Protein backbone atom coordinates (compact mmCIF):
# COMPACT_ATOMS: atom_id res chain seq x y z
CA MET A 1 9.36 -28.52 -5.96
CA ALA A 2 9.02 -27.38 -2.34
CA SER A 3 7.73 -29.84 0.23
CA VAL A 4 4.45 -29.35 2.05
CA PRO A 5 5.09 -27.93 5.54
CA GLU A 6 4.04 -29.99 8.53
CA ILE A 7 2.24 -28.59 11.59
CA ALA A 8 4.67 -26.50 13.68
CA ASP A 9 7.26 -26.25 10.86
CA ILE A 10 9.01 -22.89 10.65
CA VAL A 11 8.46 -21.33 7.24
CA GLY A 12 9.96 -18.27 5.56
CA ASP A 13 8.23 -14.90 5.57
CA PHE A 14 5.66 -14.19 2.87
CA CYS A 15 3.04 -11.57 2.14
CA LEU A 16 -0.69 -12.09 1.56
CA ARG A 17 -2.96 -9.54 -0.04
CA GLY A 18 -5.89 -9.23 2.30
CA GLY A 19 -6.97 -7.29 5.33
CA HIS A 20 -8.27 -7.50 8.83
CA ARG A 21 -11.60 -7.04 10.56
CA ASP A 22 -12.03 -4.39 13.24
CA GLY A 23 -15.46 -5.01 14.70
CA GLU A 24 -17.84 -4.87 11.74
CA THR A 25 -15.38 -3.02 9.47
CA PHE A 26 -13.00 -4.79 7.06
CA HIS A 27 -9.75 -2.96 6.28
CA ARG A 28 -7.79 -4.05 3.17
CA ARG A 29 -4.03 -4.28 3.62
CA ASP A 30 -1.20 -6.68 2.93
CA GLN A 31 -0.32 -9.04 5.76
CA THR A 32 3.03 -10.70 6.31
CA LEU A 33 3.78 -13.91 8.10
CA GLY A 34 6.36 -11.97 10.13
CA GLU A 35 3.54 -10.03 11.80
CA ARG A 36 2.34 -13.30 13.34
CA ARG A 37 5.77 -14.83 14.00
CA GLY A 38 5.60 -16.99 17.13
CA LYS A 39 1.78 -17.02 17.16
CA PRO A 40 -0.45 -19.80 15.77
CA LEU A 41 -1.65 -19.15 12.22
CA VAL A 42 -4.22 -21.04 10.16
CA PRO A 43 -3.52 -20.49 6.44
CA VAL A 44 -6.73 -20.54 4.39
CA PHE A 45 -6.50 -20.82 0.59
CA HIS A 46 -9.49 -20.49 -1.70
CA PRO A 47 -9.66 -20.13 -5.50
CA GLY A 48 -12.26 -17.40 -5.90
CA ASP A 49 -14.57 -14.89 -4.31
CA ASP A 50 -18.35 -15.18 -4.26
CA THR A 51 -18.52 -18.85 -5.25
CA PRO A 52 -20.69 -21.34 -3.34
CA VAL A 53 -17.81 -23.61 -2.30
CA CYS A 54 -15.50 -20.79 -1.22
CA THR A 55 -18.30 -18.99 0.58
CA ALA A 56 -19.15 -22.15 2.54
CA GLN A 57 -15.48 -22.75 3.34
CA LEU A 58 -14.91 -19.21 4.58
CA CYS A 59 -18.15 -19.27 6.59
CA SER A 60 -16.89 -22.38 8.39
CA TYR A 61 -13.81 -20.42 9.52
CA SER A 62 -16.00 -17.50 10.52
CA ASP A 63 -18.30 -19.80 12.50
CA GLY A 64 -15.28 -21.26 14.31
CA LEU A 65 -13.46 -17.97 14.82
CA ASP A 66 -14.09 -17.92 18.58
CA GLN A 67 -12.42 -21.33 18.91
CA LEU A 68 -9.43 -20.21 16.84
CA GLN A 69 -9.06 -17.00 18.83
CA SER A 70 -9.37 -18.80 22.18
CA ALA A 71 -6.40 -20.95 21.06
CA GLY A 72 -4.48 -17.77 20.17
CA ALA A 73 -4.69 -18.58 16.46
CA ALA A 74 -5.73 -16.37 13.59
CA PRO A 75 -6.80 -17.32 10.06
CA ALA A 76 -4.88 -15.81 7.14
CA CYS A 77 -6.78 -16.03 3.90
CA ALA A 78 -5.31 -16.11 0.40
CA GLY A 79 -7.26 -16.24 -2.81
CA ARG A 80 -8.30 -14.26 -5.85
CA PHE A 81 -9.75 -11.04 -4.54
CA SER A 82 -11.97 -8.63 -6.39
CA SER A 83 -10.57 -5.14 -6.76
């Protein structure tokens, strides 16, 4: 079993199904870790869409997005996505 990475550990490239926000528009696309290589990344994992716990969790990242961005970091979200 793989070990849990520590903060600042270098990890191998991987791909997340997801997207990015451009203003008020969300664009679905796969994202790779390599696209953010050398830049701070906050991995966010959640088990499902449209559930109270996951919605609250993701809202907390949204509410703190300015702080993440001011630190040069970006959240990368992975979970079960609706088609």
